[in-house]
Amino acid sequence: MKKNMLSKNMRISKSREIFFILKHAKKIYSPWIIFFYHRNIFVHPRIGLIVLKKYIYLSHDRNRIKRLIKESFRLNQFSLIKSDFLAYPKKNILKYNNHVLKKKLNILWQNYFYL
């Protein structure tokens, strides 16, 4: 049985990897988030988050959004294409509560990134 966890090697944390993805990635635009994605050479998808203080002022809101995006990725990781994903939330994301945001993220994963 596969472990349903988000390990350290499934995260994009190095700035050079983030800049590479931003430069070469395809983009999915939504009114509340932008997803950058680029095929990777690994056997699993990876996720990175760019949550700016400029747009989301309060730290508890930034942490909530990061937590929800990571959780959504973790639950869908075995069905996703093998790519590097960068999530860039916009200011509009703050008007959604957790339940609505989870639904919207699942719909986004299913429509664009499922195998």
N, C-alpha and C. Protein backbone atom coordinates (compact mmCIF):
# COMPACT_ATOMS: atom_id res chain seq x y z
N MET A 1 0.84 -1.19 0.00
CA MET A 1 0.00 0.00 0.00
C MET A 1 0.88 1.25 0.00
N LYS A 2 0.52 2.22 -0.80
CA LYS A 2 1.29 3.45 -0.89
C LYS A 2 1.01 4.33 0.32
N LYS A 3 2.05 4.95 0.81
CA LYS A 3 1.86 5.91 1.90
C LYS A 3 1.33 7.21 1.32
N ASN A 4 0.33 7.72 1.94
CA ASN A 4 -0.31 8.95 1.46
C ASN A 4 0.24 10.13 2.25
N MET A 5 1.52 10.43 2.02
CA MET A 5 2.15 11.53 2.75
C MET A 5 2.93 12.41 1.79
N LEU A 6 3.27 13.57 2.24
CA LEU A 6 4.03 14.52 1.44
C LEU A 6 5.45 14.57 1.99
N SER A 7 6.34 13.82 1.38
CA SER A 7 7.71 13.75 1.88
C SER A 7 8.52 14.96 1.40
N LYS A 8 9.71 15.09 1.94
CA LYS A 8 10.56 16.24 1.64
C LYS A 8 10.96 16.28 0.16
N ASN A 9 11.16 15.10 -0.45
CA ASN A 9 11.58 15.09 -1.85
C ASN A 9 10.43 15.39 -2.81
N MET A 10 9.23 15.59 -2.29
CA MET A 10 8.09 15.97 -3.13
C MET A 10 7.83 17.47 -3.09
N ARG A 11 8.74 18.20 -2.45
CA ARG A 11 8.60 19.66 -2.37
C ARG A 11 9.69 20.32 -3.21
N ILE A 12 9.36 21.45 -3.77
CA ILE A 12 10.34 22.26 -4.49
C ILE A 12 10.72 23.38 -3.54
N SER A 13 11.98 23.39 -3.13
CA SER A 13 12.38 24.39 -2.14
C SER A 13 13.57 25.23 -2.58
N LYS A 14 14.32 24.77 -3.56
CA LYS A 14 15.50 25.51 -4.00
C LYS A 14 15.10 26.61 -4.97
N SER A 15 15.67 27.78 -4.78
CA SER A 15 15.29 28.93 -5.60
C SER A 15 15.64 28.72 -7.07
N ARG A 16 16.72 28.03 -7.37
CA ARG A 16 17.08 27.81 -8.79
C ARG A 16 16.05 26.91 -9.48
N GLU A 17 15.48 25.94 -8.75
CA GLU A 17 14.42 25.11 -9.33
C GLU A 17 13.16 25.94 -9.57
N ILE A 18 12.84 26.81 -8.63
CA ILE A 18 11.66 27.66 -8.77
C ILE A 18 11.82 28.60 -9.97
N PHE A 19 12.99 29.22 -10.12
CA PHE A 19 13.22 30.12 -11.26
C PHE A 19 13.18 29.36 -12.58
N PHE A 20 13.71 28.13 -12.61
CA PHE A 20 13.67 27.33 -13.82
C PHE A 20 12.22 27.03 -14.22
N ILE A 21 11.42 26.65 -13.25
CA ILE A 21 10.01 26.34 -13.53
C ILE A 21 9.28 27.60 -13.99
N LEU A 22 9.51 28.73 -13.33
CA LEU A 22 8.85 29.97 -13.74
C LEU A 22 9.22 30.36 -15.16
N LYS A 23 10.45 30.08 -15.55
CA LYS A 23 10.92 30.46 -16.89
C LYS A 23 10.37 29.53 -17.98
N HIS A 24 10.28 28.23 -17.69
CA HIS A 24 9.95 27.25 -18.72
C HIS A 24 8.55 26.65 -18.60
N ALA A 25 7.80 27.04 -17.63
CA ALA A 25 6.54 26.35 -17.33
C ALA A 25 5.38 26.82 -18.20
N LYS A 26 4.40 25.94 -18.29
CA LYS A 26 3.10 26.30 -18.82
C LYS A 26 2.28 26.82 -17.65
N LYS A 27 1.26 27.61 -17.96
CA LYS A 27 0.50 28.26 -16.89
C LYS A 27 -0.99 27.95 -17.02
N ILE A 28 -1.61 27.79 -15.87
CA ILE A 28 -3.07 27.67 -15.79
C ILE A 28 -3.55 28.85 -14.95
N TYR A 29 -4.37 29.70 -15.55
CA TYR A 29 -4.86 30.89 -14.85
C TYR A 29 -6.26 30.63 -14.31
N SER A 30 -6.47 31.13 -13.13
CA SER A 30 -7.77 31.09 -12.48
C SER A 30 -7.94 32.45 -11.80
N PRO A 31 -9.16 32.86 -11.49
CA PRO A 31 -9.32 34.16 -10.82
C PRO A 31 -8.68 34.21 -9.43
N TRP A 32 -8.38 33.08 -8.85
CA TRP A 32 -7.88 33.05 -7.47
C TRP A 32 -6.50 32.42 -7.33
N ILE A 33 -5.97 31.77 -8.38
CA ILE A 33 -4.64 31.14 -8.29
C ILE A 33 -4.06 30.98 -9.70
N ILE A 34 -2.74 30.99 -9.77
CA ILE A 34 -2.03 30.66 -11.01
C ILE A 34 -1.20 29.42 -10.72
N PHE A 35 -1.32 28.40 -11.57
CA PHE A 35 -0.48 27.21 -11.44
C PHE A 35 0.53 27.21 -12.58
N PHE A 36 1.79 27.06 -12.24
CA PHE A 36 2.85 26.85 -13.21
C PHE A 36 3.20 25.37 -13.14
N TYR A 37 3.36 24.73 -14.30
CA TYR A 37 3.75 23.32 -14.26
C TYR A 37 4.72 23.01 -15.39
N HIS A 38 5.63 22.10 -15.07
CA HIS A 38 6.67 21.70 -16.01
C HIS A 38 6.97 20.23 -15.76
N ARG A 39 7.04 19.44 -16.81
CA ARG A 39 7.34 18.01 -16.65
C ARG A 39 8.68 17.83 -15.95
N ASN A 40 8.76 16.83 -15.08
CA ASN A 40 10.02 16.57 -14.39
C ASN A 40 10.55 15.18 -14.74
N ILE A 41 11.75 14.88 -14.27
CA ILE A 41 12.39 13.60 -14.55
C ILE A 41 12.20 12.60 -13.42
N PHE A 42 11.50 13.01 -12.38
CA PHE A 42 11.30 12.14 -11.23
C PHE A 42 10.12 11.21 -11.46
N VAL A 43 9.95 10.26 -10.57
CA VAL A 43 8.84 9.31 -10.70
C VAL A 43 7.61 9.79 -9.94
N HIS A 44 7.65 11.00 -9.45
CA HIS A 44 6.53 11.54 -8.67
C HIS A 44 6.40 13.03 -8.96
N PRO A 45 5.22 13.58 -8.75
CA PRO A 45 5.05 15.04 -8.89
C PRO A 45 5.63 15.76 -7.69
N ARG A 46 5.98 17.03 -7.88
CA ARG A 46 6.50 17.85 -6.78
C ARG A 46 5.72 19.16 -6.75
N ILE A 47 5.67 19.77 -5.57
CA ILE A 47 4.91 21.02 -5.40
C ILE A 47 5.78 22.09 -4.75
N GLY A 48 5.59 23.31 -5.19
CA GLY A 48 6.21 24.47 -4.56
C GLY A 48 5.15 25.55 -4.41
N LEU A 49 5.33 26.40 -3.43
CA LEU A 49 4.34 27.45 -3.16
C LEU A 49 5.01 28.81 -3.14
N ILE A 50 4.36 29.77 -3.76
CA ILE A 50 4.81 31.15 -3.72
C ILE A 50 3.64 31.96 -3.18
N VAL A 51 3.70 32.30 -1.91
CA VAL A 51 2.63 33.05 -1.26
C VAL A 51 3.24 34.36 -0.77
N LEU A 52 2.90 35.46 -1.44
CA LEU A 52 3.52 36.74 -1.15
C LEU A 52 2.81 37.51 -0.05
N LYS A 53 3.61 38.10 0.82
CA LYS A 53 3.09 38.95 1.88
C LYS A 53 2.44 40.21 1.30
N LYS A 54 2.87 40.59 0.11
CA LYS A 54 2.34 41.77 -0.56
C LYS A 54 0.84 41.63 -0.84
N TYR A 55 0.40 40.41 -1.16
CA TYR A 55 -1.00 40.18 -1.51
C TYR A 55 -1.82 39.59 -0.36
N ILE A 56 -1.18 38.77 0.46
CA ILE A 56 -1.88 38.14 1.58
C ILE A 56 -1.15 38.59 2.84
N TYR A 57 -1.69 39.61 3.48
CA TYR A 57 -0.99 40.35 4.52
C TYR A 57 -0.78 39.55 5.81
N LEU A 58 -1.81 38.87 6.24
CA LEU A 58 -1.76 38.22 7.55
C LEU A 58 -1.13 36.83 7.46
N SER A 59 -0.24 36.55 8.40
CA SER A 59 0.49 35.28 8.35
C SER A 59 -0.43 34.08 8.53
N HIS A 60 -1.47 34.21 9.33
CA HIS A 60 -2.35 33.06 9.51
C HIS A 60 -3.12 32.76 8.22
N ASP A 61 -3.39 33.77 7.41
CA ASP A 61 -4.02 33.52 6.11
C ASP A 61 -3.05 32.86 5.14
N ARG A 62 -1.81 33.33 5.13
CA ARG A 62 -0.79 32.70 4.28
C ARG A 62 -0.60 31.24 4.66
N ASN A 63 -0.51 30.97 5.95
CA ASN A 63 -0.31 29.59 6.42
C ASN A 63 -1.52 28.71 6.10
N ARG A 64 -2.71 29.26 6.23
CA ARG A 64 -3.93 28.50 5.92
C ARG A 64 -3.96 28.11 4.44
N ILE A 65 -3.61 29.05 3.59
CA ILE A 65 -3.62 28.79 2.15
C ILE A 65 -2.56 27.76 1.79
N LYS A 66 -1.37 27.90 2.34
CA LYS A 66 -0.31 26.93 2.07
C LYS A 66 -0.72 25.54 2.55
N ARG A 67 -1.31 25.47 3.73
CA ARG A 67 -1.72 24.19 4.29
C ARG A 67 -2.78 23.53 3.40
N LEU A 68 -3.75 24.29 2.93
CA LEU A 68 -4.81 23.73 2.09
C LEU A 68 -4.29 23.27 0.73
N ILE A 69 -3.38 24.02 0.14
CA ILE A 69 -2.82 23.62 -1.16
C ILE A 69 -1.99 22.36 -1.01
N LYS A 70 -1.15 22.31 0.03
CA LYS A 70 -0.34 21.11 0.26
C LYS A 70 -1.20 19.88 0.55
N GLU A 71 -2.24 20.05 1.32
CA GLU A 71 -3.14 18.94 1.65
C GLU A 71 -3.86 18.44 0.41
N SER A 72 -4.32 19.35 -0.42
CA SER A 72 -4.98 18.97 -1.66
C SER A 72 -4.02 18.22 -2.58
N PHE A 73 -2.79 18.70 -2.67
CA PHE A 73 -1.77 18.03 -3.48
C PHE A 73 -1.50 16.63 -2.93
N ARG A 74 -1.36 16.52 -1.62
CA ARG A 74 -1.06 15.24 -0.99
C ARG A 74 -2.14 14.21 -1.28
N LEU A 75 -3.39 14.62 -1.24
CA LEU A 75 -4.49 13.69 -1.48
C LEU A 75 -4.60 13.27 -2.94
N ASN A 76 -4.12 14.10 -3.86
CA ASN A 76 -4.23 13.80 -5.29
C ASN A 76 -2.92 13.35 -5.92
N GLN A 77 -1.86 13.21 -5.15
CA GLN A 77 -0.52 13.02 -5.70
C GLN A 77 -0.37 11.78 -6.58
N PHE A 78 -1.09 10.71 -6.30
CA PHE A 78 -0.91 9.48 -7.06
C PHE A 78 -1.69 9.49 -8.37
N SER A 79 -2.55 10.45 -8.55
CA SER A 79 -3.33 10.56 -9.79
C SER A 79 -2.81 11.66 -10.71
N LEU A 80 -1.83 12.42 -10.26
CA LEU A 80 -1.35 13.56 -11.03
C LEU A 80 -0.27 13.17 -12.03
N ILE A 81 -0.12 14.00 -13.07
CA ILE A 81 0.97 13.81 -14.02
C ILE A 81 2.30 14.08 -13.30
N LYS A 82 3.35 13.51 -13.79
CA LYS A 82 4.67 13.65 -13.16
C LYS A 82 5.29 14.98 -13.58
N SER A 83 4.97 16.01 -12.83
CA SER A 83 5.41 17.37 -13.13
C SER A 83 5.78 18.10 -11.86
N ASP A 84 6.45 19.22 -12.07
CA ASP A 84 6.70 20.15 -10.97
C ASP A 84 5.60 21.20 -11.04
N PHE A 85 4.97 21.45 -9.91
CA PHE A 85 3.88 22.42 -9.83
C PHE A 85 4.29 23.56 -8.91
N LEU A 86 4.00 24.77 -9.34
CA LEU A 86 4.15 25.94 -8.48
C LEU A 86 2.79 26.59 -8.35
N ALA A 87 2.36 26.80 -7.14
CA ALA A 87 1.08 27.46 -6.89
C ALA A 87 1.36 28.90 -6.47
N TYR A 88 0.69 29.82 -7.13
CA TYR A 88 0.85 31.25 -6.86
C TYR A 88 -0.53 31.83 -6.59
N PRO A 89 -0.97 31.84 -5.33
CA PRO A 89 -2.31 32.35 -5.01
C PRO A 89 -2.41 33.85 -5.21
N LYS A 90 -3.58 34.29 -5.67
CA LYS A 90 -3.86 35.72 -5.84
C LYS A 90 -4.62 36.24 -4.62
N LYS A 91 -4.81 37.53 -4.59
CA LYS A 91 -5.50 38.17 -3.47
C LYS A 91 -6.95 37.67 -3.32
N ASN A 92 -7.58 37.31 -4.43
CA ASN A 92 -8.98 36.86 -4.41
C ASN A 92 -9.19 35.58 -3.63
N ILE A 93 -8.13 34.84 -3.37
CA ILE A 93 -8.27 33.56 -2.68
C ILE A 93 -8.77 33.74 -1.25
N LEU A 94 -8.59 34.92 -0.69
CA LEU A 94 -8.99 35.17 0.69
C LEU A 94 -10.50 35.18 0.89
N LYS A 95 -11.26 35.37 -0.17
CA LYS A 95 -12.71 35.43 0.01
C LYS A 95 -13.36 34.05 0.11
N TYR A 96 -12.57 32.98 -0.09
CA TYR A 96 -13.11 31.62 0.00
C TYR A 96 -12.79 31.01 1.36
N ASN A 97 -13.76 30.27 1.90
CA ASN A 97 -13.47 29.55 3.14
C ASN A 97 -12.79 28.22 2.81
N ASN A 98 -12.40 27.48 3.82
CA ASN A 98 -11.63 26.25 3.61
C ASN A 98 -12.39 25.23 2.77
N HIS A 99 -13.65 25.05 3.05
CA HIS A 99 -14.43 24.04 2.35
C HIS A 99 -14.52 24.34 0.85
N VAL A 100 -14.82 25.56 0.51
CA VAL A 100 -14.93 25.97 -0.90
C VAL A 100 -13.57 25.87 -1.59
N LEU A 101 -12.53 26.28 -0.89
CA LEU A 101 -11.19 26.24 -1.46
C LEU A 101 -10.74 24.81 -1.76
N LYS A 102 -11.05 23.88 -0.86
CA LYS A 102 -10.73 22.46 -1.10
C LYS A 102 -11.43 21.95 -2.35
N LYS A 103 -12.71 22.28 -2.50
CA LYS A 103 -13.46 21.85 -3.67
C LYS A 103 -12.87 22.43 -4.95
N LYS A 104 -12.54 23.72 -4.93
CA LYS A 104 -11.99 24.38 -6.11
C LYS A 104 -10.63 23.78 -6.49
N LEU A 105 -9.80 23.48 -5.50
CA LEU A 105 -8.50 22.88 -5.78
C LEU A 105 -8.67 21.48 -6.37
N ASN A 106 -9.57 20.68 -5.83
CA ASN A 106 -9.80 19.34 -6.37
C ASN A 106 -10.29 19.40 -7.81
N ILE A 107 -11.17 20.33 -8.10
CA ILE A 107 -11.65 20.49 -9.47
C ILE A 107 -10.50 20.89 -10.39
N LEU A 108 -9.65 21.79 -9.93
CA LEU A 108 -8.50 22.22 -10.73
C LEU A 108 -7.56 21.06 -11.01
N TRP A 109 -7.23 20.27 -9.98
CA TRP A 109 -6.35 19.11 -10.18
C TRP A 109 -6.97 18.15 -11.19
N GLN A 110 -8.26 17.85 -11.04
CA GLN A 110 -8.91 16.88 -11.91
C GLN A 110 -9.02 17.36 -13.35
N ASN A 111 -9.31 18.62 -13.55
CA ASN A 111 -9.51 19.12 -14.91
C ASN A 111 -8.22 19.26 -15.71
N TYR A 112 -7.13 19.56 -15.06
CA TYR A 112 -5.91 19.87 -15.80
C TYR A 112 -4.77 18.88 -15.62
N PHE A 113 -4.68 18.24 -14.48
CA PHE A 113 -3.44 17.54 -14.18
C PHE A 113 -3.58 16.05 -13.92
N TYR A 114 -4.75 15.46 -14.08
CA TYR A 114 -4.89 14.03 -13.85
C TYR A 114 -4.31 13.25 -15.02
N LEU A 115 -3.85 12.04 -14.73
CA LEU A 115 -3.29 11.17 -15.77
C LEU A 115 -4.33 10.79 -16.80
